[in-house]
């Protein structure tokens, strides 16, 4: 496991700037593809390079009045490319939040891994961060904790829910199988009320696993994707 993570971090130091360099026509150069294949094999190389090209294309095509199309594309991309695997089986831990690179190179993850990958990809594609909230819910039919990504077209709108359980993006009001508990993004944290609406309760810095994800993304070369300055991450 340690060797696997070390390889992920080594690859990210090489890929990081290229993944987020929108409009870079040399994104998939031969030298880069060769190095990725050496570290992860053909399957891993294809997964990472397809992700990089996909995010670039979404950014190039992004228009505010067509955000729903961007949501659909990114939601579908990760739901198709990642298999659901529990943290216990995947990482030999009870609760591990993977970075997008870790999820895509292993092509697997659980609910929060889907959400984290979609969240950062949408931001990089052009969606404003304040419209997105990583949302902890209870999946009522499964009787278990779950995580989804909520998109708010306006601060008061009924959010659209991006989910790996239900691949269809639906308004929260139509997801009666989910009971919201709390949500967060890089700008704040909220307590969600069953009857709708939310109460802001402070900073996401109190969430240790979230801070750990941001730090690992920094280590993996994804600094431009971070929501917080490095000085705040290390406090």
C-alpha atoms as a PDB file:
ATOM      1  CA  UNK A   1       0.000   0.000   0.000  1.00  0.00           C
ATOM      2  CA  UNK A   2       2.802   2.437   0.861  1.00  0.00           C
ATOM      3  CA  UNK A   3       4.527   1.688  -2.457  1.00  0.00           C
ATOM      4  CA  UNK A   4       1.272   2.260  -4.353  1.00  0.00           C
ATOM      5  CA  UNK A   5       0.694   5.655  -2.742  1.00  0.00           C
ATOM      6  CA  UNK A   6       4.329   6.649  -3.309  1.00  0.00           C
ATOM      7  CA  UNK A   7       3.918   5.921  -7.013  1.00  0.00           C
ATOM      8  CA  UNK A   8       0.728   7.999  -7.122  1.00  0.00           C
ATOM      9  CA  UNK A   9       2.521  10.944  -5.525  1.00  0.00           C
ATOM     10  CA  UNK A  10       5.538  10.585  -7.821  1.00  0.00           C
ATOM     11  CA  UNK A  11       3.325  10.571 -10.898  1.00  0.00           C
ATOM     12  CA  UNK A  12       1.336  13.560  -9.667  1.00  0.00           C
ATOM     13  CA  UNK A  13       4.452  15.691  -9.320  1.00  0.00           C
ATOM     14  CA  UNK A  14       4.935  15.160 -13.039  1.00  0.00           C
ATOM     15  CA  UNK A  15       1.279  15.410 -14.096  1.00  0.00           C
ATOM     16  CA  UNK A  16      -0.017  18.099 -11.736  1.00  0.00           C
ATOM     17  CA  UNK A  17       0.590  21.206 -13.795  1.00  0.00           C
ATOM     18  CA  UNK A  18      -0.468  19.495 -17.030  1.00  0.00           C
ATOM     19  CA  UNK A  19      -3.779  18.255 -15.654  1.00  0.00           C
ATOM     20  CA  UNK A  20      -4.922  21.793 -14.830  1.00  0.00           C
ATOM     21  CA  UNK A  21      -3.336  23.614 -17.758  1.00  0.00           C
ATOM     22  CA  UNK A  22      -6.499  24.309 -19.734  1.00  0.00           C
ATOM     23  CA  UNK A  23      -5.929  24.842 -23.421  1.00  0.00           C
ATOM     24  CA  UNK A  24      -2.485  23.208 -23.364  1.00  0.00           C
ATOM     25  CA  UNK A  25      -2.333  21.366 -26.698  1.00  0.00           C
ATOM     26  CA  UNK A  26       0.724  19.373 -25.570  1.00  0.00           C
ATOM     27  CA  UNK A  27      -1.169  17.777 -22.684  1.00  0.00           C
ATOM     28  CA  UNK A  28      -0.726  14.245 -23.977  1.00  0.00           C
ATOM     29  CA  UNK A  29       2.882  14.347 -25.133  1.00  0.00           C
ATOM     30  CA  UNK A  30       4.721  11.095 -25.900  1.00  0.00           C
ATOM     31  CA  UNK A  31       7.239  11.522 -23.062  1.00  0.00           C
ATOM     32  CA  UNK A  32       4.478  12.063 -20.517  1.00  0.00           C
ATOM     33  CA  UNK A  33       2.474   9.077 -21.724  1.00  0.00           C
ATOM     34  CA  UNK A  34       5.565   6.890 -21.538  1.00  0.00           C
ATOM     35  CA  UNK A  35       6.332   7.872 -17.949  1.00  0.00           C
ATOM     36  CA  UNK A  36       2.748   7.301 -16.827  1.00  0.00           C
ATOM     37  CA  UNK A  37       2.764   3.874 -18.445  1.00  0.00           C
ATOM     38  CA  UNK A  38       6.018   2.985 -16.655  1.00  0.00           C
ATOM     39  CA  UNK A  39       4.524   3.823 -13.271  1.00  0.00           C
ATOM     40  CA  UNK A  40       0.972   2.512 -13.661  1.00  0.00           C
ATOM     41  CA  UNK A  41       0.781   0.390 -16.763  1.00  0.00           C
ATOM     42  CA  UNK A  42      -1.445   0.953 -19.770  1.00  0.00           C
ATOM     43  CA  UNK A  43      -4.696   0.940 -17.782  1.00  0.00           C
ATOM     44  CA  UNK A  44      -3.536   3.608 -15.346  1.00  0.00           C
ATOM     45  CA  UNK A  45      -2.004   5.725 -18.094  1.00  0.00           C
ATOM     46  CA  UNK A  46      -5.229   5.770 -20.087  1.00  0.00           C
ATOM     47  CA  UNK A  47      -7.363   6.604 -17.043  1.00  0.00           C
ATOM     48  CA  UNK A  48      -5.260   9.609 -16.039  1.00  0.00           C
ATOM     49  CA  UNK A  49      -4.724  11.017 -19.501  1.00  0.00           C
ATOM     50  CA  UNK A  50      -8.419  10.684 -20.377  1.00  0.00           C
ATOM     51  CA  UNK A  51      -9.269  12.581 -17.186  1.00  0.00           C
ATOM     52  CA  UNK A  52      -6.794  15.352 -17.990  1.00  0.00           C
ATOM     53  CA  UNK A  53      -8.066  15.752 -21.543  1.00  0.00           C
ATOM     54  CA  UNK A  54     -11.681  15.554 -20.375  1.00  0.00           C
ATOM     55  CA  UNK A  55     -11.264  18.389 -17.858  1.00  0.00           C
ATOM     56  CA  UNK A  56      -9.500  20.538 -20.444  1.00  0.00           C
ATOM     57  CA  UNK A  57     -12.321  19.968 -22.933  1.00  0.00           C
ATOM     58  CA  UNK A  58     -14.993  20.783 -20.350  1.00  0.00           C
ATOM     59  CA  UNK A  59     -13.210  24.023 -19.535  1.00  0.00           C
ATOM     60  CA  UNK A  60     -12.892  24.959 -23.202  1.00  0.00           C
ATOM     61  CA  UNK A  61     -16.614  24.329 -23.791  1.00  0.00           C
ATOM     62  CA  UNK A  62     -17.894  25.780 -20.505  1.00  0.00           C
ATOM     63  CA  UNK A  63     -20.644  28.408 -20.603  1.00  0.00           C
ATOM     64  CA  UNK A  64     -22.501  29.692 -17.545  1.00  0.00           C
ATOM     65  CA  UNK A  65     -25.882  29.283 -19.233  1.00  0.00           C
ATOM     66  CA  UNK A  66     -25.048  25.643 -20.029  1.00  0.00           C
ATOM     67  CA  UNK A  67     -23.784  24.548 -16.617  1.00  0.00           C
ATOM     68  CA  UNK A  68     -26.254  21.688 -16.485  1.00  0.00           C
ATOM     69  CA  UNK A  69     -24.491  20.145 -19.452  1.00  0.00           C
ATOM     70  CA  UNK A  70     -21.156  20.385 -17.615  1.00  0.00           C
ATOM     71  CA  UNK A  71     -22.702  18.744 -14.545  1.00  0.00           C
ATOM     72  CA  UNK A  72     -24.072  15.885 -16.659  1.00  0.00           C
ATOM     73  CA  UNK A  73     -20.767  15.274 -18.406  1.00  0.00           C
ATOM     74  CA  UNK A  74     -18.623  15.213 -15.265  1.00  0.00           C
ATOM     75  CA  UNK A  75     -21.145  13.202 -13.250  1.00  0.00           C
ATOM     76  CA  UNK A  76     -21.283  10.579 -16.009  1.00  0.00           C
ATOM     77  CA  UNK A  77     -17.505  10.542 -16.464  1.00  0.00           C
ATOM     78  CA  UNK A  78     -16.744   9.476 -12.897  1.00  0.00           C
ATOM     79  CA  UNK A  79     -19.736   7.187 -12.445  1.00  0.00           C
ATOM     80  CA  UNK A  80     -18.600   5.194 -15.481  1.00  0.00           C
ATOM     81  CA  UNK A  81     -14.872   5.105 -14.757  1.00  0.00           C
ATOM     82  CA  UNK A  82     -14.883   4.300 -11.052  1.00  0.00           C
ATOM     83  CA  UNK A  83     -16.091   1.051  -9.492  1.00  0.00           C
ATOM     84  CA  UNK A  84     -17.580   1.283  -6.021  1.00  0.00           C
ATOM     85  CA  UNK A  85     -15.224  -0.337  -3.496  1.00  0.00           C
ATOM     86  CA  UNK A  86     -15.343   0.131   0.278  1.00  0.00           C
ATOM     87  CA  UNK A  87     -12.451   1.854   2.054  1.00  0.00           C
ATOM     88  CA  UNK A  88     -11.830  -1.303   4.043  1.00  0.00           C
ATOM     89  CA  UNK A  89     -11.276  -3.313   0.878  1.00  0.00           C
ATOM     90  CA  UNK A  90      -9.643  -0.573  -1.170  1.00  0.00           C
ATOM     91  CA  UNK A  91      -7.324   1.173   1.309  1.00  0.00           C
ATOM     92  CA  UNK A  92      -7.427  -1.174   4.303  1.00  0.00           C
ATOM     93  CA  UNK A  93      -8.860   1.689   6.388  1.00  0.00           C
ATOM     94  CA  UNK A  94     -12.288   2.330   7.882  1.00  0.00           C
ATOM     95  CA  UNK A  95     -12.660   5.796   6.341  1.00  0.00           C
ATOM     96  CA  UNK A  96     -10.224   7.173   3.750  1.00  0.00           C
ATOM     97  CA  UNK A  97     -10.924  10.189   1.532  1.00  0.00           C
ATOM     98  CA  UNK A  98      -8.983   9.763  -1.712  1.00  0.00           C
ATOM     99  CA  UNK A  99      -7.706  12.526  -3.969  1.00  0.00           C
ATOM    100  CA  UNK A 100      -8.897  12.565  -7.601  1.00  0.00           C
ATOM    101  CA  UNK A 101      -5.549  11.143  -8.706  1.00  0.00           C
ATOM    102  CA  UNK A 102      -5.780   8.248  -6.270  1.00  0.00           C
ATOM    103  CA  UNK A 103      -9.331   7.448  -7.364  1.00  0.00           C
ATOM    104  CA  UNK A 104      -8.616   7.575 -11.085  1.00  0.00           C
ATOM    105  CA  UNK A 105      -5.361   5.621 -10.995  1.00  0.00           C
ATOM    106  CA  UNK A 106      -7.013   2.819  -9.014  1.00  0.00           C
ATOM    107  CA  UNK A 107     -10.321   3.327 -10.903  1.00  0.00           C
ATOM    108  CA  UNK A 108     -12.282   2.749  -7.724  1.00  0.00           C
ATOM    109  CA  UNK A 109     -13.557   4.434  -4.587  1.00  0.00           C
ATOM    110  CA  UNK A 110     -16.532   4.869  -2.312  1.00  0.00           C
ATOM    111  CA  UNK A 111     -19.114   7.662  -2.167  1.00  0.00           C
ATOM    112  CA  UNK A 112     -16.894  10.489  -0.898  1.00  0.00           C
ATOM    113  CA  UNK A 113     -14.234   9.667  -3.502  1.00  0.00           C
ATOM    114  CA  UNK A 114     -16.744  10.126  -6.329  1.00  0.00           C
ATOM    115  CA  UNK A 115     -17.832  13.430  -4.803  1.00  0.00           C
ATOM    116  CA  UNK A 116     -14.324  14.818  -4.274  1.00  0.00           C
ATOM    117  CA  UNK A 117     -13.317  13.980  -7.857  1.00  0.00           C
ATOM    118  CA  UNK A 118     -16.474  15.587  -9.278  1.00  0.00           C
ATOM    119  CA  UNK A 119     -16.139  18.661  -7.045  1.00  0.00           C
ATOM    120  CA  UNK A 120     -12.602  19.554  -8.117  1.00  0.00           C
ATOM    121  CA  UNK A 121     -13.228  18.683 -11.763  1.00  0.00           C
ATOM    122  CA  UNK A 122     -16.287  20.960 -11.906  1.00  0.00           C
ATOM    123  CA  UNK A 123     -14.370  23.838 -10.346  1.00  0.00           C
ATOM    124  CA  UNK A 124     -11.527  23.343 -12.795  1.00  0.00           C
ATOM    125  CA  UNK A 125     -14.031  23.244 -15.674  1.00  0.00           C
ATOM    126  CA  UNK A 126     -15.364  26.678 -14.680  1.00  0.00           C
ATOM    127  CA  UNK A 127     -18.227  26.166 -12.197  1.00  0.00           C
ATOM    128  CA  UNK A 128     -18.039  28.646  -9.313  1.00  0.00           C
ATOM    129  CA  UNK A 129     -17.043  26.999  -6.059  1.00  0.00           C
ATOM    130  CA  UNK A 130     -19.833  28.658  -4.073  1.00  0.00           C
ATOM    131  CA  UNK A 131     -22.377  26.750  -6.185  1.00  0.00           C
ATOM    132  CA  UNK A 132     -21.018  23.386  -5.023  1.00  0.00           C
ATOM    133  CA  UNK A 133     -21.290  21.692  -1.635  1.00  0.00           C
ATOM    134  CA  UNK A 134     -20.020  18.298  -0.603  1.00  0.00           C
ATOM    135  CA  UNK A 135     -23.012  17.020   1.349  1.00  0.00           C
ATOM    136  CA  UNK A 136     -23.150  14.331   4.034  1.00  0.00           C
ATOM    137  CA  UNK A 137     -26.528  12.592   4.046  1.00  0.00           C
ATOM    138  CA  UNK A 138     -28.239   9.487   5.346  1.00  0.00           C
ATOM    139  CA  UNK A 139     -29.326   7.110   2.578  1.00  0.00           C
ATOM    140  CA  UNK A 140     -32.686   6.080   4.016  1.00  0.00           C
ATOM    141  CA  UNK A 141     -33.315   2.972   1.909  1.00  0.00           C
ATOM    142  CA  UNK A 142     -29.818   1.659   2.630  1.00  0.00           C
ATOM    143  CA  UNK A 143     -29.913   2.893   6.239  1.00  0.00           C
ATOM    144  CA  UNK A 144     -26.348   4.139   6.067  1.00  0.00           C
ATOM    145  CA  UNK A 145     -24.247   7.278   5.834  1.00  0.00           C
ATOM    146  CA  UNK A 146     -23.643   8.547   2.321  1.00  0.00           C
ATOM    147  CA  UNK A 147     -22.121  11.538   0.540  1.00  0.00           C
ATOM    148  CA  UNK A 148     -23.313  13.426  -2.543  1.00  0.00           C
ATOM    149  CA  UNK A 149     -22.429  16.629  -4.373  1.00  0.00           C
ATOM    150  CA  UNK A 150     -25.030  19.402  -4.353  1.00  0.00           C
ATOM    151  CA  UNK A 151     -25.137  22.122  -7.016  1.00  0.00           C
ATOM    152  CA  UNK A 152     -26.936  25.395  -6.254  1.00  0.00           C
ATOM    153  CA  UNK A 153     -27.766  27.460  -9.346  1.00  0.00           C
ATOM    154  CA  UNK A 154     -28.549  30.295  -6.906  1.00  0.00           C
ATOM    155  CA  UNK A 155     -28.025  30.445  -3.124  1.00  0.00           C
ATOM    156  CA  UNK A 156     -31.744  29.831  -2.497  1.00  0.00           C
ATOM    157  CA  UNK A 157     -32.439  27.285  -5.229  1.00  0.00           C
ATOM    158  CA  UNK A 158     -33.371  23.652  -4.770  1.00  0.00           C
ATOM    159  CA  UNK A 159     -29.952  22.029  -5.311  1.00  0.00           C
ATOM    160  CA  UNK A 160     -29.294  19.400  -7.945  1.00  0.00           C
ATOM    161  CA  UNK A 161     -27.767  16.194  -6.564  1.00  0.00           C
ATOM    162  CA  UNK A 162     -24.842  14.399  -8.225  1.00  0.00           C
ATOM    163  CA  UNK A 163     -24.656  10.868  -6.874  1.00  0.00           C
ATOM    164  CA  UNK A 164     -23.038   7.514  -7.578  1.00  0.00           C
ATOM    165  CA  UNK A 165     -26.029   5.516  -6.271  1.00  0.00           C
ATOM    166  CA  UNK A 166     -28.553   7.205  -8.565  1.00  0.00           C
ATOM    167  CA  UNK A 167     -26.840   8.263 -11.816  1.00  0.00           C
ATOM    168  CA  UNK A 168     -29.644  10.699 -12.696  1.00  0.00           C
ATOM    169  CA  UNK A 169     -29.109  14.284 -11.566  1.00  0.00           C
ATOM    170  CA  UNK A 170     -32.285  15.264  -9.705  1.00  0.00           C
ATOM    171  CA  UNK A 171     -33.381  18.179  -7.491  1.00  0.00           C
ATOM    172  CA  UNK A 172     -32.920  17.497  -3.781  1.00  0.00           C
ATOM    173  CA  UNK A 173     -36.694  17.801  -3.331  1.00  0.00           C
ATOM    174  CA  UNK A 174     -37.099  14.669  -5.469  1.00  0.00           C
ATOM    175  CA  UNK A 175     -34.469  12.664  -3.611  1.00  0.00           C
ATOM    176  CA  UNK A 176     -36.720  11.550  -0.761  1.00  0.00           C
ATOM    177  CA  UNK A 177     -34.324   8.670  -0.164  1.00  0.00           C
ATOM    178  CA  UNK A 178     -31.710  11.102   1.206  1.00  0.00           C
ATOM    179  CA  UNK A 179     -31.780  12.971   4.530  1.00  0.00           C
ATOM    180  CA  UNK A 180     -29.221  15.830   4.547  1.00  0.00           C
ATOM    181  CA  UNK A 181     -27.053  16.307   7.641  1.00  0.00           C
ATOM    182  CA  UNK A 182     -24.269  18.808   6.852  1.00  0.00           C
ATOM    183  CA  UNK A 183     -22.420  20.208   3.853  1.00  0.00           C
ATOM    184  CA  UNK A 184     -19.194  22.048   3.104  1.00  0.00           C
ATOM    185  CA  UNK A 185     -16.919  23.422   0.430  1.00  0.00           C
ATOM    186  CA  UNK A 186     -13.642  25.333   0.541  1.00  0.00           C
ATOM    187  CA  UNK A 187     -15.505  28.460   1.670  1.00  0.00           C
ATOM    188  CA  UNK A 188     -17.599  27.242   4.583  1.00  0.00           C
ATOM    189  CA  UNK A 189     -19.568  24.569   6.404  1.00  0.00           C
ATOM    190  CA  UNK A 190     -23.353  24.315   6.884  1.00  0.00           C
ATOM    191  CA  UNK A 191     -25.857  22.354   8.938  1.00  0.00           C
ATOM    192  CA  UNK A 192     -28.628  21.181   6.627  1.00  0.00           C
ATOM    193  CA  UNK A 193     -32.251  21.259   7.766  1.00  0.00           C
ATOM    194  CA  UNK A 194     -34.749  18.566   6.807  1.00  0.00           C
ATOM    195  CA  UNK A 195     -37.358  21.132   5.752  1.00  0.00           C
ATOM    196  CA  UNK A 196     -34.872  22.868   3.470  1.00  0.00           C
ATOM    197  CA  UNK A 197     -32.369  25.633   3.936  1.00  0.00           C
ATOM    198  CA  UNK A 198     -29.101  25.580   5.820  1.00  0.00           C
ATOM    199  CA  UNK A 199     -27.236  27.329   8.609  1.00  0.00           C
ATOM    200  CA  UNK A 200     -23.593  28.301   8.151  1.00  0.00           C
ATOM    201  CA  UNK A 201     -21.534  27.147  11.113  1.00  0.00           C
ATOM    202  CA  UNK A 202     -17.979  28.124  10.225  1.00  0.00           C
ATOM    203  CA  UNK A 203     -14.958  26.835   8.360  1.00  0.00           C
ATOM    204  CA  UNK A 204     -14.343  23.394   6.816  1.00  0.00           C
ATOM    205  CA  UNK A 205     -10.884  23.458   8.438  1.00  0.00           C
ATOM    206  CA  UNK A 206     -12.361  21.557  11.377  1.00  0.00           C
ATOM    207  CA  UNK A 207     -12.853  18.510   9.127  1.00  0.00           C
ATOM    208  CA  UNK A 208      -9.604  16.609   9.515  1.00  0.00           C
ATOM    209  CA  UNK A 209     -10.160  14.278   6.553  1.00  0.00           C
ATOM    210  CA  UNK A 210     -10.898  17.221   4.259  1.00  0.00           C
ATOM    211  CA  UNK A 211      -7.709  18.967   5.337  1.00  0.00           C
ATOM    212  CA  UNK A 212      -5.804  15.734   4.796  1.00  0.00           C
ATOM    213  CA  UNK A 213      -7.149  15.495   1.222  1.00  0.00           C
ATOM    214  CA  UNK A 214      -6.042  19.082   0.495  1.00  0.00           C
ATOM    215  CA  UNK A 215      -2.579  18.453   1.869  1.00  0.00           C
ATOM    216  CA  UNK A 216      -2.169  15.277  -0.181  1.00  0.00           C
ATOM    217  CA  UNK A 217      -3.360  17.109  -3.287  1.00  0.00           C
ATOM    218  CA  UNK A 218      -0.676  19.703  -2.621  1.00  0.00           C
ATOM    219  CA  UNK A 219       1.927  16.942  -2.259  1.00  0.00           C
ATOM    220  CA  UNK A 220       0.681  15.334  -5.472  1.00  0.00           C
ATOM    221  CA  UNK A 221       1.204  18.478  -7.524  1.00  0.00           C
ATOM    222  CA  UNK A 222      -2.386  19.684  -7.657  1.00  0.00           C
ATOM    223  CA  UNK A 223      -1.737  23.020  -5.940  1.00  0.00           C
ATOM    224  CA  UNK A 224      -3.818  25.057  -8.447  1.00  0.00           C
ATOM    225  CA  UNK A 225      -6.896  23.007  -7.498  1.00  0.00           C
ATOM    226  CA  UNK A 226      -6.741  23.808  -3.800  1.00  0.00           C
ATOM    227  CA  UNK A 227      -9.380  26.068  -2.270  1.00  0.00           C
ATOM    228  CA  UNK A 228      -7.176  27.310   0.554  1.00  0.00           C
ATOM    229  CA  UNK A 229      -3.764  29.014   0.625  1.00  0.00           C
ATOM    230  CA  UNK A 230      -0.935  26.731   1.729  1.00  0.00           C
ATOM    231  CA  UNK A 231      -0.412  28.866   4.839  1.00  0.00           C
ATOM    232  CA  UNK A 232      -3.929  28.007   5.998  1.00  0.00           C
ATOM    233  CA  UNK A 233      -3.463  24.311   5.292  1.00  0.00           C
ATOM    234  CA  UNK A 234      -0.488  24.072   7.620  1.00  0.00           C
ATOM    235  CA  UNK A 235      -1.973  25.995  10.542  1.00  0.00           C
END
